[in-house]
Protein backbone atom coordinates (compact mmCIF):
# COMPACT_ATOMS: atom_id res chain seq x y z
CA MET A 1 -8.33 -22.20 -24.12
CA LYS A 2 -5.12 -22.15 -26.12
CA LYS A 3 -3.48 -25.46 -27.01
CA SER A 4 -0.29 -24.54 -25.16
CA LEU A 5 -2.21 -23.95 -21.96
CA LEU A 6 -3.99 -27.25 -22.32
CA LEU A 7 -0.63 -28.95 -22.55
CA LEU A 8 0.38 -27.27 -19.33
CA LEU A 9 -2.60 -28.75 -17.58
CA GLY A 10 -1.20 -32.20 -18.09
CA ALA A 11 2.05 -31.42 -16.32
CA THR A 12 2.56 -32.61 -12.79
CA LEU A 13 3.04 -30.40 -9.78
CA VAL A 14 6.59 -29.53 -8.84
CA SER A 15 8.08 -31.92 -6.31
CA CYS A 16 8.31 -30.13 -2.99
CA ASN A 17 7.82 -30.48 0.71
CA THR A 18 5.39 -28.51 2.81
CA LEU A 19 5.94 -27.25 6.30
CA SER A 20 2.90 -26.88 8.50
CA ILE A 21 3.47 -23.65 10.37
CA SER A 22 0.99 -21.80 12.52
CA PRO A 23 0.43 -18.48 10.78
CA ALA A 24 -0.02 -15.40 12.94
CA GLU A 25 -3.60 -15.28 11.70
CA THR A 26 -5.00 -18.74 12.38
CA GLN A 27 -6.35 -20.86 9.55
CA THR A 28 -7.74 -24.25 10.54
CA THR A 29 -8.31 -25.62 7.08
CA PRO A 30 -6.83 -28.23 4.74
CA GLU A 31 -3.18 -27.81 3.72
CA SER A 32 -3.91 -28.07 0.00
CA THR A 33 -6.40 -29.29 -2.58
CA GLU A 34 -5.91 -31.91 -5.26
CA VAL A 35 -5.44 -30.78 -8.86
CA GLY A 36 -8.58 -31.52 -10.83
CA GLN A 37 -10.80 -31.42 -7.74
CA GLN A 38 -13.84 -29.22 -8.39
CA LEU A 39 -13.78 -26.35 -5.92
CA THR A 40 -16.50 -24.37 -4.24
CA PHE A 41 -14.97 -20.93 -3.92
CA VAL A 42 -15.23 -18.63 -0.92
CA HIS A 43 -16.64 -15.17 -1.72
CA PRO A 44 -15.50 -12.48 -1.19
CA GLY A 45 -12.46 -14.59 -1.78
CA LEU A 46 -9.37 -12.85 -3.11
CA LEU A 47 -7.14 -10.69 -0.91
CA LEU A 48 -9.99 -9.72 1.42
CA ASN A 49 -12.57 -12.14 2.73
CA ALA A 50 -15.72 -11.20 4.62
CA ALA A 51 -14.01 -11.30 8.01
CA ARG A 52 -11.19 -9.01 6.88
CA LEU A 53 -13.62 -6.52 5.35
CA GLU A 54 -15.56 -6.45 8.62
CA ARG A 55 -12.33 -5.98 10.56
CA LEU A 56 -11.37 -3.09 8.30
CA LYS A 57 -14.68 -1.36 8.95
CA THR A 58 -14.48 -1.95 12.70
CA GLN A 59 -10.89 -0.77 13.04
CA VAL A 60 -11.30 2.36 10.93
CA ASN A 61 -14.41 3.37 12.87
CA SER A 62 -12.90 2.52 16.28
CA THR A 63 -12.51 5.30 18.88
CA THR A 64 -9.15 3.76 19.79
CA SER A 65 -6.18 4.75 17.64
CA ASN A 66 -4.80 1.75 15.71
CA ILE A 67 -2.53 0.84 12.81
CA THR A 68 -5.46 0.31 10.44
CA GLN A 69 -6.41 3.95 10.84
CA GLN A 70 -2.84 4.97 9.99
CA GLY A 71 -3.09 3.00 6.77
CA TRP A 72 -6.57 4.31 6.06
CA THR A 73 -5.21 7.85 5.78
CA LYS A 74 -3.42 6.68 2.61
CA VAL A 75 -6.71 5.43 1.19
CA THR A 76 -8.73 8.56 1.88
CA SER A 77 -5.99 10.92 0.70
CA ASP A 78 -5.75 9.19 -2.69
CA SER A 79 -7.68 11.07 -5.37
CA ARG A 80 -8.72 7.76 -6.91
CA ALA A 81 -10.77 6.99 -3.79
CA SER A 82 -13.18 9.83 -4.56
CA SER A 83 -16.75 8.89 -5.42
CA GLY A 84 -16.52 11.55 -8.12
CA TYR A 85 -13.68 9.77 -9.89
CA THR A 86 -14.06 9.76 -13.67
CA PRO A 87 -12.93 6.60 -15.49
CA HIS A 88 -11.01 6.78 -18.76
CA PRO A 89 -11.76 3.59 -20.71
CA TYR A 90 -10.22 2.80 -24.08
CA SER A 91 -11.15 0.38 -26.80
CA THR A 92 -7.45 -0.21 -27.46
CA VAL A 93 -4.86 0.47 -24.75
CA HIS A 94 -1.40 1.40 -26.00
CA VAL A 95 1.34 0.47 -23.52
CA LEU A 96 5.09 0.94 -23.43
CA ASP A 97 7.73 -1.39 -22.05
CA SER A 98 10.28 0.29 -19.73
CA GLY A 99 8.06 3.35 -19.65
CA SER A 100 4.43 4.42 -19.67
CA THR A 101 1.74 6.12 -21.74
CA ASP A 102 -1.29 8.14 -20.66
CA GLU A 103 -3.49 5.24 -21.71
CA GLU A 104 -1.42 2.79 -19.68
CA ARG A 105 -1.66 5.00 -16.59
CA ASP A 106 -5.45 5.15 -16.93
CA PHE A 107 -5.46 1.39 -17.50
CA LYS A 108 -3.88 0.99 -14.05
CA ASP A 109 -5.49 3.90 -12.22
CA ASP A 110 -9.09 2.99 -13.01
CA PRO A 111 -9.15 -0.52 -11.45
CA GLN A 112 -7.46 0.88 -8.37
CA ALA A 113 -10.12 3.59 -8.21
CA ALA A 114 -12.79 0.87 -8.41
CA TYR A 115 -11.07 -1.00 -5.57
CA LEU A 116 -10.60 2.07 -3.36
CA ASN A 117 -14.21 3.09 -3.81
CA ALA A 118 -15.32 -0.43 -2.96
CA LEU A 119 -13.30 -0.22 0.28
CA GLN A 120 -14.79 3.18 1.04
CA TRP A 121 -18.27 1.76 0.58
CA VAL A 122 -17.54 -1.09 3.01
CA VAL A 123 -16.20 1.28 5.67
CA THR A 124 -18.58 4.24 5.29
CA GLY A 125 -21.70 2.61 3.88
CA LYS A 126 -22.08 5.52 1.45
CA SER A 127 -23.79 4.36 -1.72
CA ALA A 128 -21.93 6.95 -3.80
CA HIS A 129 -18.77 4.87 -3.45
CA LYS A 130 -20.26 1.57 -4.57
CA ASP A 131 -21.96 3.43 -7.42
CA ALA A 132 -18.58 4.85 -8.45
CA SER A 133 -16.97 1.42 -8.40
CA ILE A 134 -19.74 -0.04 -10.53
CA ARG A 135 -19.57 2.92 -12.92
CA ILE A 136 -15.82 2.45 -13.42
CA MET A 137 -16.14 -1.29 -14.04
CA ARG A 138 -19.06 -0.79 -16.41
CA ALA A 139 -17.14 1.79 -18.46
CA TRP A 140 -14.27 -0.58 -19.18
CA ALA A 141 -16.42 -3.65 -19.64
CA GLN A 142 -18.44 -1.91 -22.32
CA LYS A 143 -15.52 -0.42 -24.25
CA PHE A 144 -12.30 -2.44 -23.91
CA GLN A 145 -11.21 -4.67 -26.77
CA SER A 146 -7.42 -4.99 -26.89
CA ILE A 147 -3.93 -4.00 -25.72
CA VAL A 148 -1.12 -3.00 -28.09
CA ASN A 149 2.54 -2.27 -27.33
CA VAL A 150 3.85 0.96 -28.86
CA ASN A 151 7.17 -0.82 -29.39
CA THR A 152 6.14 -3.33 -32.02
CA ASP A 153 9.39 -5.28 -31.60
CA LYS A 154 8.41 -6.15 -28.01
CA PRO A 155 4.76 -7.28 -28.29
CA LYS A 156 4.80 -9.47 -25.17
CA GLN A 157 4.62 -6.49 -22.80
CA VAL A 158 0.85 -6.50 -23.30
CA ASP A 159 0.62 -9.85 -21.48
CA LEU A 160 2.41 -8.50 -18.42
CA GLU A 161 0.31 -5.34 -18.33
CA ALA A 162 -2.87 -7.44 -18.38
CA ALA A 163 -1.47 -9.70 -15.65
CA TRP A 164 -0.91 -6.68 -13.42
CA VAL A 165 -4.35 -5.10 -13.79
CA LEU A 166 -6.51 -8.24 -13.81
CA PRO A 167 -6.19 -8.92 -10.04
CA MET A 168 -6.92 -5.25 -9.35
CA TRP A 169 -10.19 -5.42 -11.26
CA VAL A 170 -11.44 -8.67 -9.77
CA ASN A 171 -10.58 -7.65 -6.20
CA ALA A 172 -12.87 -4.65 -6.67
CA ALA A 173 -15.50 -6.84 -8.30
CA GLU A 174 -15.42 -9.43 -5.50
CA ILE A 175 -16.31 -6.75 -2.95
CA ILE A 176 -19.05 -5.17 -5.03
CA ARG A 177 -20.55 -8.50 -6.03
CA TYR A 178 -20.37 -10.39 -2.75
CA HIS A 179 -19.95 -8.09 0.25
CA ASN A 180 -22.90 -8.21 2.62
CA ASN A 181 -24.70 -10.72 0.40
CA GLY A 182 -24.64 -8.53 -2.68
CA ALA A 183 -25.92 -5.38 -0.98
CA ALA A 184 -24.33 -3.21 -3.68
CA GLY A 185 -27.04 -4.33 -6.08
CA TRP A 186 -24.72 -4.89 -9.04
CA SER A 187 -26.99 -5.76 -11.95
CA SER A 188 -26.82 -9.08 -13.76
CA THR A 189 -26.24 -7.24 -17.04
CA ASP A 190 -23.25 -5.39 -15.60
CA ILE A 191 -21.87 -8.60 -14.13
CA GLN A 192 -22.18 -10.45 -17.44
CA GLN A 193 -20.38 -7.67 -19.31
CA PHE A 194 -17.68 -7.45 -16.67
CA ASP A 195 -17.11 -11.21 -16.73
CA ALA A 196 -16.51 -10.99 -20.47
CA PHE A 197 -14.02 -8.17 -19.83
CA VAL A 198 -12.19 -10.34 -17.29
CA ASN A 199 -11.92 -13.13 -19.82
CA LYS A 200 -10.44 -10.72 -22.39
CA LEU A 201 -7.76 -9.73 -19.89
CA TYR A 202 -7.19 -13.36 -18.97
CA ASN A 203 -6.51 -14.24 -22.60
CA TYR A 204 -3.48 -11.93 -22.40
CA ALA A 205 -2.42 -12.53 -18.80
CA TRP A 206 -1.88 -16.29 -18.89
CA LYS A 207 0.57 -15.88 -21.76
CA ALA A 208 2.91 -13.97 -19.44
CA THR A 209 3.69 -17.38 -17.90
CA ILE A 210 4.85 -19.02 -21.13
CA ASP A 211 6.15 -16.31 -23.46
CA THR A 212 9.22 -15.30 -21.46
CA SER A 213 12.65 -16.91 -21.83
CA THR A 214 13.26 -16.88 -18.07
CA LYS A 215 11.17 -17.55 -15.02
CA ASN A 216 10.84 -14.15 -13.35
CA ASN A 217 8.26 -11.68 -12.12
CA TRP A 218 6.41 -12.05 -15.43
CA THR A 219 5.62 -15.68 -14.71
CA VAL A 220 4.62 -14.95 -11.13
CA SER A 221 2.36 -12.06 -12.17
CA GLY A 222 0.69 -14.12 -14.87
CA ALA A 223 0.06 -17.09 -12.60
CA TYR A 224 -1.29 -14.87 -9.83
CA ALA A 225 -3.66 -13.28 -12.35
CA MET A 226 -4.84 -16.73 -13.40
CA MET A 227 -5.61 -17.67 -9.80
CA SER A 228 -7.46 -14.40 -9.23
CA ALA A 229 -9.58 -14.75 -12.35
CA GLY A 230 -10.32 -18.35 -11.43
CA VAL A 231 -11.75 -17.39 -8.06
CA TYR A 232 -13.84 -14.53 -9.40
CA LEU A 233 -15.17 -16.55 -12.35
CA ASN A 234 -15.65 -19.70 -10.23
CA ASP A 235 -13.38 -21.47 -12.70
CA THR A 236 -11.46 -24.31 -11.03
CA THR A 237 -9.24 -24.96 -14.06
CA LYS A 238 -7.98 -21.37 -14.27
CA TYR A 239 -7.37 -21.22 -10.52
CA GLN A 240 -5.57 -24.53 -10.19
CA GLU A 241 -3.42 -23.98 -13.27
CA GLY A 242 -2.32 -20.64 -11.87
CA MET A 243 -1.50 -22.26 -8.54
CA ARG A 244 0.47 -25.02 -10.27
CA ILE A 245 2.63 -22.45 -12.04
CA ILE A 246 3.14 -20.45 -8.84
CA LYS A 247 4.40 -23.54 -7.03
CA GLU A 248 6.60 -24.61 -9.92
CA THR A 249 8.06 -21.13 -10.30
CA MET A 250 8.75 -20.29 -6.65
CA PRO A 251 12.12 -22.11 -6.33
CA LYS A 252 13.19 -20.63 -9.68
CA VAL A 253 12.71 -17.05 -8.50
CA VAL A 254 13.57 -17.49 -4.80
CA TYR A 255 16.71 -19.56 -4.33
CA ALA A 256 17.60 -21.78 -1.39
CA SER A 257 19.79 -18.98 -0.02
CA GLY A 258 16.81 -16.62 -0.11
CA GLU A 259 18.27 -14.54 -2.92
CA ILE A 260 15.61 -13.49 -5.41
CA TYR A 261 16.12 -13.79 -9.15
CA GLU A 262 16.84 -10.34 -10.63
CA LEU A 263 18.29 -8.98 -7.37
CA LYS A 264 21.87 -9.83 -8.25
CA SER A 265 21.83 -8.63 -11.84
CA ARG A 266 19.11 -6.01 -12.02
CA ASP A 267 17.88 -3.81 -9.16
CA CYS A 268 16.17 -3.83 -5.77
CA TYR A 269 12.54 -3.54 -6.81
CA HIS A 270 11.91 -5.94 -9.71
CA PRO A 271 12.71 -8.89 -7.41
CA GLN A 272 10.03 -7.59 -5.09
CA TYR A 273 7.47 -7.84 -7.89
CA SER A 274 8.06 -11.58 -7.64
CA LEU A 275 7.68 -11.55 -3.86
CA THR A 276 4.54 -9.43 -4.03
CA GLY A 277 2.91 -11.70 -6.58
CA LEU A 278 3.86 -14.81 -4.60
CA VAL A 279 2.53 -13.43 -1.30
CA GLN A 280 -0.70 -12.14 -2.81
CA ALA A 281 -1.22 -15.48 -4.57
CA ALA A 282 -0.52 -17.28 -1.29
CA ASN A 283 -3.12 -15.16 0.46
CA VAL A 284 -5.73 -15.84 -2.20
CA ALA A 285 -5.12 -19.55 -1.68
CA TRP A 286 -5.26 -19.07 2.11
CA VAL A 287 -8.66 -17.41 1.80
CA GLN A 288 -9.70 -20.39 -0.30
CA ASN A 289 -8.74 -22.73 2.57
CA ASP A 290 -5.30 -23.71 1.29
CA ASN A 291 -2.07 -22.91 3.19
CA SER A 292 0.26 -24.70 0.82
CA ILE A 293 1.84 -21.72 -0.97
CA TYR A 294 2.65 -20.03 2.33
CA ASN A 295 4.16 -23.24 3.65
CA LEU A 296 6.13 -24.47 0.61
CA THR A 297 9.65 -25.70 1.36
CA PHE A 298 12.24 -27.09 -1.04
CA ASP A 299 15.64 -28.78 -1.07
CA GLY A 300 15.15 -30.45 2.30
CA GLN A 301 14.82 -27.12 4.10
CA THR A 302 12.33 -26.61 6.92
CA THR A 303 11.82 -22.86 6.49
CA PRO A 304 9.20 -21.82 3.92
CA ARG A 305 10.84 -20.48 0.78
CA LEU A 306 8.79 -17.29 0.96
CA VAL A 307 10.20 -16.57 4.42
CA LEU A 308 13.75 -17.06 3.13
CA GLY A 309 13.11 -14.64 0.29
CA MET A 310 11.55 -11.94 2.43
CA GLU A 311 14.28 -12.10 5.07
CA TYR A 312 16.94 -11.92 2.34
CA ILE A 313 15.50 -8.82 0.67
CA ALA A 314 15.00 -7.20 4.09
CA LYS A 315 18.66 -7.70 5.01
CA SER A 316 19.70 -6.24 1.65
CA ILE A 317 17.55 -3.18 2.34
CA LEU A 318 18.48 -2.74 5.98
CA SER A 319 22.20 -3.39 5.92
CA GLY A 320 23.36 -4.36 2.47
CA SER A 321 23.69 -7.98 3.57
CA GLY A 322 23.58 -10.32 0.60
CA VAL A 323 24.65 -10.17 -3.03
CA ARG A 324 23.24 -6.71 -3.74
CA ASN A 325 23.40 -3.79 -1.34
CA CYS A 326 20.05 -2.00 -1.47
CA SER A 327 20.56 0.15 1.62
CA PRO A 328 22.10 3.24 -0.05
CA SER A 329 20.06 3.13 -3.25
CA GLY A 330 17.65 5.94 -2.48
CA ALA A 331 14.24 5.31 -4.02
CA ASP A 332 14.80 1.53 -4.00
CA ASP A 333 15.58 1.47 -0.29
CA TYR A 334 12.28 0.12 1.02
CA ILE A 335 9.86 -2.78 0.97
CA ARG A 336 7.61 -2.28 -2.05
CA GLU A 337 3.87 -1.86 -1.65
CA GLY A 338 1.50 -4.82 -1.69
CA TYR A 339 2.93 -7.60 0.43
CA GLY A 340 4.55 -6.46 3.69
CA ASP A 341 1.61 -6.47 6.06
CA ILE A 342 -0.02 -9.44 4.33
CA ALA A 343 3.07 -11.54 5.03
CA LEU A 344 3.38 -10.34 8.62
CA ASN A 345 -0.23 -11.35 9.25
CA ARG A 346 0.48 -14.89 8.13
CA TYR A 347 3.93 -15.50 9.61
CA GLY A 348 4.26 -13.00 12.48
CA THR A 349 7.19 -10.83 13.48
CA THR A 350 9.18 -13.64 15.12
CA VAL A 351 9.42 -15.58 11.86
CA LEU A 352 10.19 -12.39 9.88
CA PRO A 353 12.25 -10.19 12.25
CA ASN A 354 14.30 -8.36 9.62
CA PHE A 355 11.39 -8.08 7.22
CA TYR A 356 9.31 -6.52 10.01
CA LYS A 357 11.97 -3.86 10.58
CA ALA A 358 12.05 -3.10 6.87
CA VAL A 359 8.26 -2.90 6.63
CA LEU A 360 8.21 -0.35 9.45
CA LYS A 361 10.36 1.93 7.30
CA ALA A 362 7.68 2.04 4.60
CA ARG A 363 4.56 2.53 6.73
CA PRO A 364 1.86 3.55 6.22
CA GLU A 365 1.80 1.87 2.84
CA ASP A 366 0.53 3.61 -0.27
CA GLY A 367 -0.58 2.22 -3.62
CA SER A 368 1.46 0.57 -6.37
CA ASP A 369 1.39 0.61 -10.16
CA GLN A 370 1.74 -3.16 -10.47
CA PHE A 371 -0.21 -4.65 -7.52
CA LEU A 372 -2.86 -3.54 -5.09
CA GLY A 373 -1.25 -1.79 -2.15
CA TRP A 374 -2.66 -0.07 0.95
CA THR A 375 -2.02 -3.22 2.98
CA THR A 376 -1.29 -1.24 6.15
CA ALA A 377 -4.99 -0.38 6.04
CA THR A 378 -6.26 -3.81 5.03
CA PHE A 379 -3.78 -6.06 6.90
CA GLY A 380 -1.91 -3.88 9.40
CA LYS A 381 -1.51 -5.67 12.72
CA TYR A 382 1.95 -5.34 14.29
């Protein structure tokens, strides 16, 4: 571990209050865990735990029409969900800030293909899908070595790109490795190689939390990646350090008013990268028996800061209420993929009335280039 990260470990958690709310999906577990406490991780234990995977299978195969089936159409219509998907691994991935390369697109498409095939295997039981997921993960684990930015004057973009894809990869791996007590039959050799691949990505991703001059979606993405890698690798230090940074960063990217950093000065979708990373990180913690990220409050407020942020962005999208008017902005005029239905599952529509209305505009949810989407399928409820 780098010296700078070790120094971070000695820092104390941000001073904050927590509000014990009753999420829409009940969790009767401890509010938080102590830093330094050795954890026994739940598996599958990232976005989707065993109960949610079983629910997905049951709802998709139900004879009664439901919202999960509406979301599932987005999964099955995606070409990356095909069991015949061909991965495109690279030894060195060349990426581009404020743009994209063919290599970068493959770098993001392939982990999503692994995830979608893992979901298909859970729902259909067809071995071709779990074989495809394993094949995709094996291809990258055996070949990948490094990431390089085409723009040599902006080398830090590689850290953000790694932070985005790492959670995608390990969410696929959690399903293949742990669903139905390891029924996929992922070999120990494949697992060992993939774990090494995850650590290579981690060595980039954590630097997204310290190499930026401001606390923004980079920091959130990097910390979320750290938490995700920690769960998959059963590494308490990685997980807890990522959680510490998430908690410290939340009030810096979501203000007491609910306004999100980057909304006022940038656009209507980069701020949602922060919200997506925060909500997905909160759900990972929730699955690991910790409600504290969902319930975090600051500045003497009683409403969770995440709720304030989501209601603020929803009002900006629905009516232009707030500092930036997102309502007439065309392609930006919607809730981005990856967090809408997750948040509604935890808080309910009463707590998030405007956010719920905005989420309805974007359903059924598709995929995303930065975070795992398709949450109408995996979390759709209201």
